[in-house]
N, C-alpha and C. Protein backbone atom coordinates (compact mmCIF):
# COMPACT_ATOMS: atom_id res chain seq x y z
N MET A 1 26.62 15.89 -59.72
CA MET A 1 27.28 17.19 -59.74
C MET A 1 26.24 18.30 -59.56
N SER A 2 26.68 19.42 -59.07
CA SER A 2 25.76 20.52 -58.82
C SER A 2 25.41 21.22 -60.13
N THR A 3 24.46 22.14 -60.01
CA THR A 3 24.05 22.88 -61.20
C THR A 3 24.82 24.18 -61.34
N SER A 4 25.75 24.42 -60.46
CA SER A 4 26.46 25.69 -60.52
C SER A 4 27.93 25.51 -60.22
N ALA A 5 28.71 26.52 -60.57
CA ALA A 5 30.13 26.55 -60.26
C ALA A 5 30.50 27.98 -59.95
N PRO A 6 31.59 28.21 -59.24
CA PRO A 6 31.89 29.58 -58.80
C PRO A 6 32.19 30.52 -59.94
N ASN A 7 31.75 31.76 -59.82
CA ASN A 7 32.07 32.80 -60.80
C ASN A 7 33.35 33.53 -60.42
N ARG A 8 33.94 33.17 -59.29
CA ARG A 8 35.15 33.84 -58.86
C ARG A 8 36.07 32.83 -58.20
N LEU A 9 37.30 33.23 -58.02
CA LEU A 9 38.25 32.38 -57.34
C LEU A 9 37.97 32.39 -55.85
N PRO A 10 38.47 31.39 -55.11
CA PRO A 10 38.26 31.40 -53.67
C PRO A 10 38.81 32.68 -53.06
N SER A 11 38.24 33.06 -51.90
CA SER A 11 38.67 34.28 -51.24
C SER A 11 40.15 34.25 -50.97
N GLY A 12 40.78 35.40 -51.09
CA GLY A 12 42.22 35.48 -50.86
C GLY A 12 43.01 35.55 -52.15
N ARG A 13 42.38 35.14 -53.29
CA ARG A 13 43.06 35.23 -54.57
C ARG A 13 42.95 36.64 -55.11
N ASN A 14 43.89 37.04 -55.93
CA ASN A 14 43.93 38.40 -56.45
C ASN A 14 42.73 38.68 -57.36
N THR A 15 42.09 39.83 -57.17
CA THR A 15 40.92 40.16 -57.97
C THR A 15 41.26 40.41 -59.43
N THR A 16 42.50 40.78 -59.72
CA THR A 16 42.91 40.95 -61.11
C THR A 16 42.89 39.61 -61.83
N ALA A 17 43.41 38.58 -61.19
CA ALA A 17 43.36 37.23 -61.77
C ALA A 17 41.92 36.80 -61.95
N ASP A 18 41.09 37.12 -61.00
CA ASP A 18 39.67 36.80 -61.06
C ASP A 18 39.03 37.43 -62.30
N LYS A 19 39.31 38.71 -62.55
CA LYS A 19 38.75 39.41 -63.70
C LYS A 19 39.18 38.75 -65.01
N LEU A 20 40.42 38.33 -65.08
CA LEU A 20 40.91 37.68 -66.29
C LEU A 20 40.18 36.36 -66.56
N LEU A 21 39.94 35.59 -65.51
CA LEU A 21 39.24 34.32 -65.66
C LEU A 21 37.79 34.53 -66.07
N VAL A 22 37.13 35.48 -65.45
CA VAL A 22 35.73 35.78 -65.80
C VAL A 22 35.63 36.23 -67.26
N ALA A 23 36.56 37.08 -67.68
CA ALA A 23 36.55 37.57 -69.07
C ALA A 23 36.79 36.43 -70.05
N ALA A 24 37.74 35.55 -69.74
CA ALA A 24 38.02 34.42 -70.62
C ALA A 24 36.79 33.51 -70.75
N SER A 25 36.14 33.24 -69.63
CA SER A 25 34.95 32.40 -69.64
C SER A 25 33.84 33.02 -70.48
N GLU A 26 33.59 34.30 -70.28
CA GLU A 26 32.52 34.98 -71.02
C GLU A 26 32.79 35.01 -72.52
N LEU A 27 34.04 35.24 -72.89
CA LEU A 27 34.39 35.28 -74.32
C LEU A 27 34.21 33.91 -74.97
N MET A 28 34.60 32.85 -74.27
CA MET A 28 34.47 31.50 -74.83
C MET A 28 33.00 31.13 -75.03
N ILE A 29 32.16 31.56 -74.10
CA ILE A 29 30.73 31.29 -74.22
C ILE A 29 30.14 32.11 -75.38
N GLU A 30 30.50 33.38 -75.46
CA GLU A 30 29.98 34.24 -76.52
C GLU A 30 30.38 33.74 -77.90
N ARG A 31 31.61 33.26 -78.04
CA ARG A 31 32.14 32.87 -79.35
C ARG A 31 31.99 31.38 -79.64
N ALA A 32 31.53 30.61 -78.63
CA ALA A 32 31.44 29.16 -78.76
C ALA A 32 32.77 28.57 -79.20
N SER A 33 33.84 29.06 -78.61
CA SER A 33 35.18 28.64 -78.97
C SER A 33 36.14 28.93 -77.82
N ILE A 34 37.19 28.10 -77.71
CA ILE A 34 38.23 28.38 -76.71
C ILE A 34 39.38 29.17 -77.34
N ASP A 35 39.24 29.47 -78.62
CA ASP A 35 40.29 30.20 -79.34
C ASP A 35 40.09 31.71 -79.15
N VAL A 36 40.49 32.18 -77.98
CA VAL A 36 40.41 33.62 -77.68
C VAL A 36 41.81 34.11 -77.35
N SER A 37 42.12 35.31 -77.78
CA SER A 37 43.47 35.84 -77.60
C SER A 37 43.62 36.53 -76.25
N LEU A 38 44.86 36.67 -75.82
CA LEU A 38 45.12 37.37 -74.57
C LEU A 38 44.70 38.83 -74.66
N SER A 39 44.88 39.43 -75.84
CA SER A 39 44.48 40.83 -76.00
C SER A 39 42.97 40.99 -75.86
N ASP A 40 42.21 40.01 -76.39
CA ASP A 40 40.76 40.05 -76.26
C ASP A 40 40.34 39.90 -74.80
N ILE A 41 41.01 38.99 -74.11
CA ILE A 41 40.71 38.76 -72.69
C ILE A 41 41.04 40.01 -71.88
N ALA A 42 42.19 40.59 -72.18
CA ALA A 42 42.61 41.79 -71.46
C ALA A 42 41.64 42.94 -71.70
N GLN A 43 41.23 43.11 -72.95
CA GLN A 43 40.32 44.20 -73.29
C GLN A 43 38.98 44.04 -72.57
N LYS A 44 38.46 42.82 -72.55
CA LYS A 44 37.16 42.58 -71.92
C LYS A 44 37.24 42.74 -70.41
N SER A 45 38.37 42.34 -69.83
CA SER A 45 38.51 42.40 -68.37
C SER A 45 38.94 43.78 -67.88
N GLY A 46 39.49 44.60 -68.80
CA GLY A 46 40.03 45.89 -68.40
C GLY A 46 41.37 45.78 -67.70
N VAL A 47 42.05 44.65 -67.93
CA VAL A 47 43.33 44.37 -67.28
C VAL A 47 44.43 44.31 -68.34
N ASN A 48 45.61 44.79 -68.01
CA ASN A 48 46.75 44.74 -68.93
C ASN A 48 47.11 43.29 -69.23
N ALA A 49 47.29 42.97 -70.53
CA ALA A 49 47.60 41.60 -70.93
C ALA A 49 48.89 41.10 -70.31
N ALA A 50 49.80 42.00 -69.99
CA ALA A 50 51.07 41.58 -69.39
C ALA A 50 50.87 40.93 -68.02
N LEU A 51 49.74 41.23 -67.38
CA LEU A 51 49.49 40.66 -66.07
C LEU A 51 49.10 39.19 -66.11
N VAL A 52 48.78 38.68 -67.30
CA VAL A 52 48.51 37.24 -67.44
C VAL A 52 49.76 36.46 -67.03
N LYS A 53 50.91 36.89 -67.52
CA LYS A 53 52.15 36.21 -67.19
C LYS A 53 52.43 36.28 -65.69
N TYR A 54 52.13 37.40 -65.10
CA TYR A 54 52.37 37.58 -63.67
C TYR A 54 51.52 36.63 -62.83
N HIS A 55 50.25 36.51 -63.22
CA HIS A 55 49.33 35.69 -62.42
C HIS A 55 49.31 34.22 -62.82
N PHE A 56 49.48 33.93 -64.12
CA PHE A 56 49.29 32.56 -64.59
C PHE A 56 50.49 31.97 -65.34
N GLY A 57 51.50 32.76 -65.60
CA GLY A 57 52.67 32.26 -66.33
C GLY A 57 52.54 32.45 -67.82
N ASN A 58 51.43 31.99 -68.41
CA ASN A 58 51.16 32.13 -69.84
C ASN A 58 49.67 31.85 -70.08
N LYS A 59 49.27 31.85 -71.35
CA LYS A 59 47.86 31.64 -71.66
C LYS A 59 47.39 30.28 -71.21
N ASP A 60 48.21 29.24 -71.42
CA ASP A 60 47.80 27.89 -70.99
C ASP A 60 47.62 27.83 -69.48
N GLY A 61 48.42 28.58 -68.76
CA GLY A 61 48.25 28.64 -67.31
C GLY A 61 46.92 29.26 -66.94
N LEU A 62 46.50 30.28 -67.69
CA LEU A 62 45.20 30.91 -67.47
C LEU A 62 44.08 29.92 -67.77
N LEU A 63 44.20 29.18 -68.88
CA LEU A 63 43.18 28.21 -69.25
C LEU A 63 43.07 27.10 -68.21
N LEU A 64 44.20 26.67 -67.69
CA LEU A 64 44.21 25.64 -66.66
C LEU A 64 43.52 26.15 -65.39
N ALA A 65 43.81 27.39 -65.02
CA ALA A 65 43.18 27.98 -63.84
C ALA A 65 41.67 28.13 -64.05
N LEU A 66 41.27 28.45 -65.27
CA LEU A 66 39.85 28.60 -65.58
C LEU A 66 39.13 27.26 -65.42
N LEU A 67 39.71 26.20 -65.96
CA LEU A 67 39.09 24.88 -65.82
C LEU A 67 39.04 24.45 -64.36
N ALA A 68 40.11 24.72 -63.62
CA ALA A 68 40.13 24.37 -62.20
C ALA A 68 39.04 25.13 -61.45
N ARG A 69 38.84 26.39 -61.80
CA ARG A 69 37.78 27.19 -61.17
C ARG A 69 36.41 26.61 -61.46
N ASP A 70 36.16 26.31 -62.73
CA ASP A 70 34.85 25.82 -63.13
C ASP A 70 34.54 24.44 -62.54
N ALA A 71 35.57 23.61 -62.39
CA ALA A 71 35.37 22.24 -61.93
C ALA A 71 35.35 22.11 -60.41
N ALA A 72 35.84 23.12 -59.69
CA ALA A 72 36.07 22.99 -58.25
C ALA A 72 34.81 22.59 -57.48
N THR A 73 33.75 23.35 -57.63
CA THR A 73 32.53 23.05 -56.89
C THR A 73 31.93 21.73 -57.33
N GLU A 74 31.99 21.45 -58.64
CA GLU A 74 31.45 20.20 -59.15
C GLU A 74 32.15 18.99 -58.54
N MET A 75 33.47 19.04 -58.44
CA MET A 75 34.22 17.93 -57.87
C MET A 75 33.92 17.78 -56.38
N ASP A 76 33.81 18.90 -55.68
CA ASP A 76 33.52 18.86 -54.25
C ASP A 76 32.17 18.22 -53.97
N ASN A 77 31.22 18.42 -54.86
CA ASN A 77 29.87 17.93 -54.63
C ASN A 77 29.69 16.44 -54.93
N LEU A 78 30.71 15.81 -55.52
CA LEU A 78 30.61 14.37 -55.80
C LEU A 78 30.51 13.58 -54.50
N GLU A 79 31.36 13.90 -53.54
CA GLU A 79 31.33 13.21 -52.25
C GLU A 79 30.00 13.45 -51.54
N TYR A 80 29.50 14.67 -51.64
CA TYR A 80 28.22 15.01 -51.01
C TYR A 80 27.10 14.14 -51.60
N LEU A 81 27.10 13.98 -52.91
CA LEU A 81 26.06 13.18 -53.55
C LEU A 81 26.15 11.72 -53.13
N LEU A 82 27.35 11.17 -53.08
CA LEU A 82 27.51 9.77 -52.67
C LEU A 82 27.01 9.53 -51.26
N ALA A 83 27.14 10.51 -50.40
CA ALA A 83 26.77 10.36 -48.99
C ALA A 83 25.27 10.51 -48.74
N GLN A 84 24.50 10.91 -49.75
CA GLN A 84 23.08 11.14 -49.53
C GLN A 84 22.32 9.82 -49.29
N PRO A 85 21.33 9.83 -48.39
CA PRO A 85 20.57 8.62 -48.06
C PRO A 85 19.47 8.34 -49.08
N ILE A 86 19.87 8.21 -50.33
CA ILE A 86 18.93 7.93 -51.42
C ILE A 86 19.46 6.75 -52.22
N THR A 87 18.66 6.21 -53.10
CA THR A 87 19.07 5.03 -53.85
C THR A 87 20.16 5.37 -54.87
N PRO A 88 20.97 4.38 -55.26
CA PRO A 88 21.95 4.62 -56.32
C PRO A 88 21.31 5.13 -57.61
N THR A 89 20.11 4.66 -57.92
CA THR A 89 19.44 5.13 -59.13
C THR A 89 19.12 6.61 -59.04
N ALA A 90 18.66 7.06 -57.87
CA ALA A 90 18.37 8.48 -57.68
C ALA A 90 19.65 9.30 -57.79
N LYS A 91 20.75 8.79 -57.23
CA LYS A 91 22.04 9.48 -57.34
C LYS A 91 22.48 9.56 -58.79
N LEU A 92 22.28 8.49 -59.52
CA LEU A 92 22.66 8.47 -60.94
C LEU A 92 21.90 9.54 -61.71
N LYS A 93 20.61 9.65 -61.49
CA LYS A 93 19.80 10.64 -62.20
C LYS A 93 20.22 12.06 -61.83
N LEU A 94 20.51 12.30 -60.56
CA LEU A 94 20.97 13.62 -60.14
C LEU A 94 22.32 13.95 -60.78
N HIS A 95 23.18 12.95 -60.88
CA HIS A 95 24.49 13.17 -61.48
C HIS A 95 24.38 13.49 -62.97
N ILE A 96 23.55 12.75 -63.68
CA ILE A 96 23.34 13.01 -65.10
C ILE A 96 22.84 14.44 -65.31
N ALA A 97 21.86 14.84 -64.52
CA ALA A 97 21.32 16.19 -64.64
C ALA A 97 22.36 17.24 -64.29
N GLY A 98 23.13 17.00 -63.24
CA GLY A 98 24.16 17.95 -62.83
C GLY A 98 25.25 18.13 -63.86
N ILE A 99 25.67 17.03 -64.47
CA ILE A 99 26.70 17.09 -65.51
C ILE A 99 26.21 17.93 -66.69
N ILE A 100 25.00 17.66 -67.14
CA ILE A 100 24.47 18.37 -68.30
C ILE A 100 24.31 19.85 -68.00
N ARG A 101 23.82 20.17 -66.80
CA ARG A 101 23.66 21.58 -66.44
C ARG A 101 25.00 22.29 -66.31
N ALA A 102 26.02 21.58 -65.84
CA ALA A 102 27.35 22.18 -65.75
C ALA A 102 27.88 22.51 -67.15
N TYR A 103 27.65 21.60 -68.10
CA TYR A 103 28.08 21.86 -69.48
C TYR A 103 27.24 22.97 -70.11
N HIS A 104 25.99 23.05 -69.70
CA HIS A 104 25.14 24.13 -70.22
C HIS A 104 25.67 25.48 -69.75
N ARG A 105 26.14 25.54 -68.52
CA ARG A 105 26.68 26.79 -68.01
C ARG A 105 28.06 27.08 -68.58
N PHE A 106 28.88 26.05 -68.75
CA PHE A 106 30.22 26.22 -69.29
C PHE A 106 30.39 25.31 -70.51
N PRO A 107 29.80 25.66 -71.65
CA PRO A 107 29.82 24.78 -72.83
C PRO A 107 31.20 24.56 -73.42
N TYR A 108 32.16 25.36 -73.01
CA TYR A 108 33.53 25.19 -73.51
C TYR A 108 34.32 24.16 -72.70
N MET A 109 33.74 23.61 -71.65
CA MET A 109 34.50 22.82 -70.68
C MET A 109 35.22 21.64 -71.31
N ASN A 110 34.50 20.83 -72.11
CA ASN A 110 35.15 19.64 -72.64
C ASN A 110 36.22 19.97 -73.68
N ARG A 111 35.98 21.02 -74.46
CA ARG A 111 37.02 21.43 -75.42
C ARG A 111 38.27 21.91 -74.69
N LEU A 112 38.06 22.57 -73.56
CA LEU A 112 39.18 23.01 -72.75
C LEU A 112 39.93 21.81 -72.19
N ILE A 113 39.20 20.81 -71.75
CA ILE A 113 39.83 19.59 -71.24
C ILE A 113 40.64 18.91 -72.33
N HIS A 114 40.05 18.78 -73.52
CA HIS A 114 40.76 18.15 -74.63
C HIS A 114 42.05 18.91 -74.95
N TYR A 115 41.95 20.21 -75.01
CA TYR A 115 43.12 21.02 -75.34
C TYR A 115 44.22 20.83 -74.30
N LEU A 116 43.87 20.94 -73.03
CA LEU A 116 44.88 20.87 -71.97
C LEU A 116 45.45 19.47 -71.82
N LEU A 117 44.67 18.46 -72.16
CA LEU A 117 45.17 17.08 -72.08
C LEU A 117 46.06 16.71 -73.26
N HIS A 118 45.72 17.22 -74.45
CA HIS A 118 46.37 16.71 -75.66
C HIS A 118 47.19 17.73 -76.45
N GLU A 119 46.96 19.02 -76.24
CA GLU A 119 47.65 20.01 -77.05
C GLU A 119 48.48 21.00 -76.25
N SER A 120 48.47 20.85 -74.95
CA SER A 120 49.24 21.75 -74.10
C SER A 120 50.47 21.00 -73.57
N SER A 121 50.95 21.38 -72.39
CA SER A 121 52.14 20.76 -71.82
C SER A 121 51.80 19.51 -71.03
N ALA A 122 52.82 18.70 -70.77
CA ALA A 122 52.63 17.50 -69.94
C ALA A 122 52.19 17.88 -68.54
N GLU A 123 52.69 19.02 -68.06
CA GLU A 123 52.30 19.48 -66.72
C GLU A 123 50.82 19.82 -66.66
N SER A 124 50.31 20.46 -67.72
CA SER A 124 48.88 20.79 -67.77
C SER A 124 48.04 19.53 -67.83
N ALA A 125 48.47 18.56 -68.66
CA ALA A 125 47.74 17.30 -68.78
C ALA A 125 47.69 16.57 -67.44
N ASP A 126 48.81 16.55 -66.72
CA ASP A 126 48.84 15.89 -65.41
C ASP A 126 47.90 16.59 -64.43
N ALA A 127 47.86 17.91 -64.49
CA ALA A 127 47.01 18.67 -63.57
C ALA A 127 45.53 18.39 -63.85
N VAL A 128 45.14 18.37 -65.12
CA VAL A 128 43.74 18.10 -65.48
C VAL A 128 43.35 16.69 -65.06
N SER A 129 44.23 15.75 -65.28
CA SER A 129 43.95 14.37 -64.88
C SER A 129 43.76 14.27 -63.38
N LYS A 130 44.54 15.05 -62.64
CA LYS A 130 44.50 14.98 -61.18
C LYS A 130 43.26 15.62 -60.59
N PHE A 131 42.88 16.81 -61.08
CA PHE A 131 41.77 17.51 -60.42
C PHE A 131 40.41 17.31 -61.10
N PHE A 132 40.39 16.69 -62.31
CA PHE A 132 39.11 16.51 -62.99
C PHE A 132 38.85 15.07 -63.38
N VAL A 133 39.68 14.51 -64.25
CA VAL A 133 39.40 13.20 -64.81
C VAL A 133 39.42 12.10 -63.74
N ALA A 134 40.48 12.05 -62.95
CA ALA A 134 40.61 10.99 -61.95
C ALA A 134 39.50 11.03 -60.90
N PRO A 135 39.18 12.21 -60.32
CA PRO A 135 38.09 12.23 -59.34
C PRO A 135 36.74 11.83 -59.92
N LEU A 136 36.48 12.24 -61.16
CA LEU A 136 35.20 11.91 -61.77
C LEU A 136 35.11 10.41 -62.09
N LEU A 137 36.20 9.84 -62.58
CA LEU A 137 36.23 8.40 -62.83
C LEU A 137 36.07 7.61 -61.53
N GLU A 138 36.72 8.07 -60.47
CA GLU A 138 36.60 7.40 -59.18
C GLU A 138 35.18 7.49 -58.65
N PHE A 139 34.54 8.64 -58.83
CA PHE A 139 33.13 8.79 -58.44
C PHE A 139 32.26 7.80 -59.21
N HIS A 140 32.47 7.70 -60.50
CA HIS A 140 31.69 6.77 -61.30
C HIS A 140 31.92 5.33 -60.84
N ARG A 141 33.17 5.00 -60.55
CA ARG A 141 33.47 3.63 -60.08
C ARG A 141 32.70 3.32 -58.80
N ARG A 142 32.70 4.25 -57.86
CA ARG A 142 32.04 4.02 -56.58
C ARG A 142 30.52 4.01 -56.71
N LEU A 143 29.98 4.92 -57.52
CA LEU A 143 28.53 4.96 -57.72
C LEU A 143 28.04 3.69 -58.40
N LEU A 144 28.75 3.25 -59.43
CA LEU A 144 28.34 2.05 -60.14
C LEU A 144 28.46 0.82 -59.24
N ALA A 145 29.52 0.75 -58.44
CA ALA A 145 29.68 -0.38 -57.52
C ALA A 145 28.56 -0.40 -56.50
N GLU A 146 28.15 0.77 -56.03
CA GLU A 146 27.05 0.86 -55.07
C GLU A 146 25.76 0.36 -55.70
N GLY A 147 25.52 0.78 -56.95
CA GLY A 147 24.30 0.36 -57.64
C GLY A 147 24.28 -1.13 -57.93
N ILE A 148 25.43 -1.69 -58.26
CA ILE A 148 25.53 -3.13 -58.53
C ILE A 148 25.29 -3.91 -57.24
N ALA A 149 25.92 -3.46 -56.15
CA ALA A 149 25.76 -4.13 -54.86
C ALA A 149 24.31 -4.09 -54.38
N ALA A 150 23.61 -3.01 -54.71
CA ALA A 150 22.21 -2.86 -54.30
C ALA A 150 21.26 -3.63 -55.22
N GLY A 151 21.80 -4.21 -56.27
CA GLY A 151 20.96 -4.94 -57.21
C GLY A 151 20.19 -4.07 -58.17
N GLU A 152 20.60 -2.78 -58.28
CA GLU A 152 19.88 -1.84 -59.15
C GLU A 152 20.52 -1.71 -60.53
N PHE A 153 21.85 -1.87 -60.62
CA PHE A 153 22.56 -1.69 -61.89
C PHE A 153 23.09 -3.02 -62.38
N ARG A 154 23.13 -3.17 -63.68
CA ARG A 154 23.89 -4.27 -64.25
C ARG A 154 25.36 -3.90 -64.18
N ASP A 155 26.23 -4.85 -64.47
CA ASP A 155 27.68 -4.60 -64.40
C ASP A 155 28.09 -3.68 -65.55
N VAL A 156 28.55 -2.47 -65.21
CA VAL A 156 28.92 -1.47 -66.21
C VAL A 156 30.35 -1.01 -65.95
N ASP A 157 31.15 -0.94 -66.98
CA ASP A 157 32.54 -0.50 -66.85
C ASP A 157 32.57 1.01 -66.60
N PRO A 158 33.23 1.48 -65.54
CA PRO A 158 33.25 2.92 -65.22
C PRO A 158 33.86 3.78 -66.33
N VAL A 159 34.89 3.27 -67.00
CA VAL A 159 35.52 4.05 -68.07
C VAL A 159 34.56 4.22 -69.24
N LEU A 160 33.84 3.16 -69.58
CA LEU A 160 32.88 3.25 -70.67
C LEU A 160 31.71 4.16 -70.29
N PHE A 161 31.30 4.10 -69.03
CA PHE A 161 30.23 4.99 -68.57
C PHE A 161 30.68 6.45 -68.65
N TYR A 162 31.88 6.72 -68.16
CA TYR A 162 32.44 8.08 -68.22
C TYR A 162 32.47 8.57 -69.67
N THR A 163 32.95 7.72 -70.56
CA THR A 163 33.06 8.08 -71.97
C THR A 163 31.68 8.39 -72.57
N SER A 164 30.70 7.57 -72.22
CA SER A 164 29.35 7.76 -72.76
C SER A 164 28.72 9.05 -72.27
N LEU A 165 28.77 9.29 -70.95
CA LEU A 165 28.10 10.45 -70.39
C LEU A 165 28.80 11.75 -70.77
N ILE A 166 30.11 11.81 -70.59
CA ILE A 166 30.85 13.04 -70.89
C ILE A 166 30.84 13.30 -72.40
N GLY A 167 30.96 12.25 -73.20
CA GLY A 167 30.92 12.42 -74.65
C GLY A 167 29.57 12.94 -75.12
N ALA A 168 28.49 12.44 -74.51
CA ALA A 168 27.15 12.90 -74.88
C ALA A 168 26.96 14.37 -74.52
N CYS A 169 27.48 14.77 -73.38
CA CYS A 169 27.38 16.18 -72.98
C CYS A 169 28.16 17.07 -73.93
N ASP A 170 29.36 16.64 -74.26
CA ASP A 170 30.20 17.44 -75.14
C ASP A 170 29.54 17.64 -76.50
N HIS A 171 28.94 16.57 -77.02
CA HIS A 171 28.40 16.67 -78.38
C HIS A 171 27.16 17.55 -78.42
N LEU A 172 26.41 17.60 -77.35
CA LEU A 172 25.23 18.47 -77.35
C LEU A 172 25.63 19.91 -77.61
N PHE A 173 26.74 20.33 -77.01
CA PHE A 173 27.15 21.73 -77.13
C PHE A 173 28.11 21.96 -78.29
N PHE A 174 29.15 21.15 -78.40
CA PHE A 174 30.13 21.34 -79.46
C PHE A 174 29.58 20.90 -80.81
N GLY A 175 28.87 19.77 -80.83
CA GLY A 175 28.33 19.25 -82.08
C GLY A 175 27.08 19.96 -82.54
N ARG A 176 26.57 20.86 -81.71
CA ARG A 176 25.35 21.59 -82.05
C ARG A 176 25.53 22.42 -83.32
N HIS A 177 26.75 22.89 -83.53
CA HIS A 177 27.01 23.72 -84.71
C HIS A 177 26.84 22.91 -86.00
N ALA A 178 27.34 21.67 -85.98
CA ALA A 178 27.19 20.81 -87.15
C ALA A 178 25.72 20.46 -87.37
N MET A 179 24.99 20.18 -86.30
CA MET A 179 23.58 19.85 -86.42
C MET A 179 22.77 21.05 -86.92
N SER A 180 23.23 22.25 -86.53
CA SER A 180 22.54 23.45 -86.98
C SER A 180 22.63 23.57 -88.50
N ARG A 181 23.79 23.25 -89.04
CA ARG A 181 23.97 23.33 -90.50
C ARG A 181 23.18 22.23 -91.21
N ALA A 182 23.13 21.05 -90.57
CA ALA A 182 22.50 19.91 -91.23
C ALA A 182 20.98 19.93 -91.13
N VAL A 183 20.45 20.21 -89.94
CA VAL A 183 19.00 20.12 -89.75
C VAL A 183 18.39 21.37 -89.15
N GLY A 184 19.17 22.44 -89.03
CA GLY A 184 18.63 23.68 -88.51
C GLY A 184 18.40 23.70 -87.02
N ALA A 185 19.15 22.88 -86.27
CA ALA A 185 19.00 22.86 -84.81
C ALA A 185 19.38 24.21 -84.23
N GLY A 186 18.58 24.69 -83.31
CA GLY A 186 18.83 25.99 -82.70
C GLY A 186 19.81 25.90 -81.55
N PRO A 187 20.00 26.98 -80.82
CA PRO A 187 20.93 27.00 -79.69
C PRO A 187 20.43 26.13 -78.54
N VAL A 188 21.33 25.83 -77.61
CA VAL A 188 20.97 25.03 -76.45
C VAL A 188 20.32 25.95 -75.41
N THR A 189 19.03 26.00 -75.43
CA THR A 189 18.27 26.82 -74.48
C THR A 189 18.04 26.03 -73.19
N ASP A 190 17.44 26.68 -72.21
CA ASP A 190 17.09 25.98 -70.97
C ASP A 190 16.14 24.83 -71.26
N GLU A 191 15.21 25.04 -72.20
CA GLU A 191 14.26 23.99 -72.56
C GLU A 191 14.97 22.81 -73.20
N VAL A 192 15.91 23.08 -74.11
CA VAL A 192 16.69 22.01 -74.74
C VAL A 192 17.47 21.25 -73.68
N CYS A 193 18.03 21.98 -72.74
CA CYS A 193 18.80 21.35 -71.66
C CYS A 193 17.91 20.41 -70.85
N ARG A 194 16.72 20.86 -70.50
CA ARG A 194 15.80 20.02 -69.73
C ARG A 194 15.39 18.78 -70.52
N ASP A 195 15.12 18.96 -71.81
CA ASP A 195 14.74 17.82 -72.66
C ASP A 195 15.90 16.83 -72.77
N TYR A 196 17.12 17.35 -72.84
CA TYR A 196 18.28 16.46 -72.98
C TYR A 196 18.51 15.68 -71.69
N ILE A 197 18.27 16.31 -70.55
CA ILE A 197 18.39 15.60 -69.28
C ILE A 197 17.43 14.42 -69.25
N LYS A 198 16.17 14.65 -69.63
CA LYS A 198 15.18 13.57 -69.66
C LYS A 198 15.60 12.48 -70.63
N HIS A 199 16.11 12.90 -71.79
CA HIS A 199 16.54 11.93 -72.80
C HIS A 199 17.69 11.08 -72.29
N MET A 200 18.70 11.70 -71.70
CA MET A 200 19.86 10.96 -71.23
C MET A 200 19.53 10.08 -70.02
N GLU A 201 18.64 10.55 -69.16
CA GLU A 201 18.20 9.70 -68.04
C GLU A 201 17.54 8.43 -68.58
N ALA A 202 16.64 8.59 -69.54
CA ALA A 202 15.96 7.43 -70.11
C ALA A 202 16.93 6.52 -70.84
N LEU A 203 17.85 7.11 -71.59
CA LEU A 203 18.80 6.33 -72.38
C LEU A 203 19.76 5.55 -71.48
N ILE A 204 20.37 6.24 -70.51
CA ILE A 204 21.35 5.59 -69.65
C ILE A 204 20.70 4.62 -68.68
N CYS A 205 19.64 5.08 -68.02
CA CYS A 205 18.97 4.20 -67.06
C CYS A 205 18.35 3.00 -67.76
N GLY A 206 17.84 3.21 -68.96
CA GLY A 206 17.26 2.10 -69.71
C GLY A 206 18.27 1.02 -70.02
N GLY A 207 19.52 1.40 -70.17
CA GLY A 207 20.55 0.41 -70.46
C GLY A 207 21.25 -0.14 -69.24
N MET A 208 21.14 0.57 -68.10
CA MET A 208 21.89 0.18 -66.91
C MET A 208 21.08 -0.51 -65.83
N LEU A 209 19.83 -0.08 -65.67
CA LEU A 209 19.05 -0.58 -64.55
C LEU A 209 18.60 -2.01 -64.78
N LYS A 210 18.59 -2.77 -63.70
CA LYS A 210 18.07 -4.12 -63.74
C LYS A 210 16.56 -4.04 -63.57
N ARG A 211 15.85 -4.32 -64.63
CA ARG A 211 14.40 -4.18 -64.61
C ARG A 211 13.74 -5.41 -64.00
N LYS A 212 12.75 -5.18 -63.16
CA LYS A 212 12.00 -6.28 -62.59
C LYS A 212 11.12 -6.92 -63.65
N VAL A 213 11.10 -8.24 -63.68
CA VAL A 213 10.30 -8.96 -64.66
C VAL A 213 8.84 -8.94 -64.22
N THR A 214 7.95 -8.56 -65.14
CA THR A 214 6.53 -8.53 -64.82
C THR A 214 5.95 -9.94 -64.79
N ARG A 215 4.78 -10.08 -64.17
CA ARG A 215 4.14 -11.40 -64.07
C ARG A 215 3.84 -11.97 -65.45
N SER A 216 3.37 -11.12 -66.36
CA SER A 216 3.05 -11.62 -67.71
C SER A 216 4.29 -12.11 -68.43
N GLU A 217 5.41 -11.40 -68.25
CA GLU A 217 6.67 -11.83 -68.87
C GLU A 217 7.13 -13.15 -68.28
N LEU A 218 6.97 -13.30 -66.96
CA LEU A 218 7.36 -14.55 -66.30
C LEU A 218 6.52 -15.71 -66.80
N GLU A 219 5.22 -15.49 -66.96
CA GLU A 219 4.35 -16.53 -67.46
C GLU A 219 4.72 -16.91 -68.88
N GLU A 220 5.11 -15.91 -69.68
CA GLU A 220 5.54 -16.19 -71.06
C GLU A 220 6.79 -17.05 -71.08
N VAL A 221 7.74 -16.74 -70.20
CA VAL A 221 8.97 -17.54 -70.10
C VAL A 221 8.64 -18.96 -69.69
N ASN A 222 7.72 -19.13 -68.73
CA ASN A 222 7.35 -20.47 -68.25
C ASN A 222 6.67 -21.28 -69.34
N ARG A 223 5.88 -20.61 -70.18
CA ARG A 223 5.22 -21.32 -71.28
C ARG A 223 6.21 -21.84 -72.29
N GLU A 224 7.28 -21.07 -72.47
CA GLU A 224 8.30 -21.50 -73.44
C GLU A 224 9.12 -22.66 -72.88
């Protein structure tokens, strides 16, 4: 996934709707919460709260549009990454870094996904599954299959991989508050983000990659 996502809706969309989405995103980042009111969003955007219904139907419609906006470029770049003439291991490392950087930019993303999947309407849940969960799972399935076929990855279940990577990203940002209380962990800075990328690359690749046996290890096996 890329390190960035659009700050605005695609061209042709109403700029008033755009302002509402930008305001909602900024408030969620500032407050480290998705629990922001329409009046707060309207005040920050300078737009009448009544226009939320006009553009999005209701607050959940606005939240769904926000997630779709944030995920759009990331989803588009999955195909681009798969097509690159590099090894599956290199693609895996780029994907891990891209996912973490996307969450660093939009730390509310996974909480928004959870809310829309489990606490909103069935229509919202279906939409999130269609434009976010399903494409990402399919990307993982294809990337893992490519790595296995190339002899670089051991056999890994795509659903378990998705759960591990996305769950780890979510906890870095959402669980940071609990860690702050327990051990005094500070905010997720650019440096923390870079360190976490290195940590997750080592952790995931260490468990997934098929390591070549060294000559000394082979000799030890033969002696046994």
